[in-house]
C-alpha atoms as a PDB file:
ATOM      1  CA  MET A   1      20.261  15.170  59.415  1.00  0.00           C
ATOM      2  CA  SER A   2      23.302  17.131  60.521  1.00  0.00           C
ATOM      3  CA  THR A   3      24.083  17.704  64.196  1.00  0.00           C
ATOM      4  CA  GLY A   4      26.880  20.188  63.469  1.00  0.00           C
ATOM      5  CA  ARG A   5      29.423  18.039  65.307  1.00  0.00           C
ATOM      6  CA  GLU A   6      33.020  17.796  64.194  1.00  0.00           C
ATOM      7  CA  ILE A   7      34.161  14.188  64.300  1.00  0.00           C
ATOM      8  CA  ARG A   8      37.571  12.792  63.417  1.00  0.00           C
ATOM      9  CA  LEU A   9      37.392   9.275  61.956  1.00  0.00           C
ATOM     10  CA  ILE A  10      40.622   7.252  61.849  1.00  0.00           C
ATOM     11  CA  GLU A  11      41.254   3.929  60.134  1.00  0.00           C
ATOM     12  CA  GLU A  12      43.540   1.929  62.433  1.00  0.00           C
ATOM     13  CA  ASP A  13      46.398  -0.295  61.258  1.00  0.00           C
ATOM     14  CA  ASP A  14      44.538  -3.402  62.455  1.00  0.00           C
ATOM     15  CA  GLY A  15      41.557  -2.560  60.215  1.00  0.00           C
ATOM     16  CA  GLY A  16      39.319  -1.157  62.955  1.00  0.00           C
ATOM     17  CA  TRP A  17      38.122   2.438  63.231  1.00  0.00           C
ATOM     18  CA  SER A  18      38.408   5.129  65.892  1.00  0.00           C
ATOM     19  CA  ALA A  19      36.087   8.113  66.135  1.00  0.00           C
ATOM     20  CA  VAL A  20      36.746  11.271  68.170  1.00  0.00           C
ATOM     21  CA  ASP A  21      34.186  13.979  68.963  1.00  0.00           C
ATOM     22  CA  GLU A  22      36.299  17.137  68.768  1.00  0.00           C
ATOM     23  CA  GLU A  23      34.028  19.264  71.001  1.00  0.00           C
ATOM     24  CA  THR A  24      33.852  16.885  73.960  1.00  0.00           C
ATOM     25  CA  GLY A  25      37.155  15.054  73.471  1.00  0.00           C
ATOM     26  CA  VAL A  26      35.304  11.730  73.770  1.00  0.00           C
ATOM     27  CA  ALA A  27      36.596   8.840  71.660  1.00  0.00           C
ATOM     28  CA  SER A  28      35.348   5.393  70.791  1.00  0.00           C
ATOM     29  CA  GLN A  29      36.127   2.613  68.344  1.00  0.00           C
ATOM     30  CA  GLY A  30      34.550  -0.178  66.332  1.00  0.00           C
ATOM     31  CA  GLU A  31      35.284  -2.780  63.688  1.00  0.00           C
ATOM     32  CA  THR A  32      33.528  -0.658  61.032  1.00  0.00           C
ATOM     33  CA  ARG A  33      33.084   3.082  60.510  1.00  0.00           C
ATOM     34  CA  ARG A  34      29.381   2.746  61.253  1.00  0.00           C
ATOM     35  CA  GLU A  35      30.068   0.861  64.508  1.00  0.00           C
ATOM     36  CA  ALA A  36      32.707   3.394  65.603  1.00  0.00           C
ATOM     37  CA  LEU A  37      30.286   6.281  64.993  1.00  0.00           C
ATOM     38  CA  SER A  38      27.435   4.509  66.775  1.00  0.00           C
ATOM     39  CA  ASN A  39      29.687   3.748  69.755  1.00  0.00           C
ATOM     40  CA  LEU A  40      30.843   7.371  69.752  1.00  0.00           C
ATOM     41  CA  ASP A  41      27.244   8.636  69.889  1.00  0.00           C
ATOM     42  CA  GLU A  42      26.608   6.438  72.932  1.00  0.00           C
ATOM     43  CA  ALA A  43      29.871   7.465  74.625  1.00  0.00           C
ATOM     44  CA  VAL A  44      29.171  11.185  74.082  1.00  0.00           C
ATOM     45  CA  GLU A  45      25.652  10.860  75.515  1.00  0.00           C
ATOM     46  CA  LEU A  46      26.902   8.976  78.590  1.00  0.00           C
ATOM     47  CA  THR A  47      29.684  11.511  79.092  1.00  0.00           C
ATOM     48  CA  LYS A  48      27.254  14.434  78.903  1.00  0.00           C
ATOM     49  CA  GLU A  49      24.979  12.713  81.456  1.00  0.00           C
ATOM     50  CA  ALA A  50      27.911  12.083  83.804  1.00  0.00           C
ATOM     51  CA  ARG A  51      29.154  15.663  83.497  1.00  0.00           C
ATOM     52  CA  ALA A  52      25.661  16.990  84.220  1.00  0.00           C
ATOM     53  CA  ASP A  53      25.386  14.867  87.378  1.00  0.00           C
ATOM     54  CA  GLU A  54      26.255  17.209  90.223  1.00  0.00           C
ATOM     55  CA  SER A  55      26.694  14.551  92.890  1.00  0.00           C
ATOM     56  CA  ASP A  56      30.061  14.104  94.569  1.00  0.00           C
ATOM     57  CA  ALA A  57      32.299  11.233  93.617  1.00  0.00           C
ATOM     58  CA  PRO A  58      31.868   8.204  95.871  1.00  0.00           C
ATOM     59  CA  THR A  59      34.294   7.711  98.753  1.00  0.00           C
ATOM     60  CA  PRO A  60      36.848   5.034  97.829  1.00  0.00           C
ATOM     61  CA  ASP A  61      36.206   1.753  99.609  1.00  0.00           C
ATOM     62  CA  ALA A  62      39.559   0.071  99.178  1.00  0.00           C
ATOM     63  CA  PRO A  63      42.329  -0.497 101.744  1.00  0.00           C
ATOM     64  CA  TRP A  64      45.023   1.117  99.571  1.00  0.00           C
ATOM     65  CA  PHE A  65      43.198   4.463  99.879  1.00  0.00           C
ATOM     66  CA  ASP A  66      43.445   4.479 103.684  1.00  0.00           C
ATOM     67  CA  SER A  67      45.977   6.965 104.957  1.00  0.00           C
END
């Protein structure tokens, strides 16, 4: 089943794999090609959900943000 996505799959020097969804710019990695692609699918879905969420970003609650 083809989704029509363009994905760049890169074998890293340490033996792991990186996967990049060219349309969204989302990247992920894994120890195997299959794991990298599975992680990429999850990352793309979470990114699409976050981008669709129209709520404002939360107000920072940390002293270094006080002006």
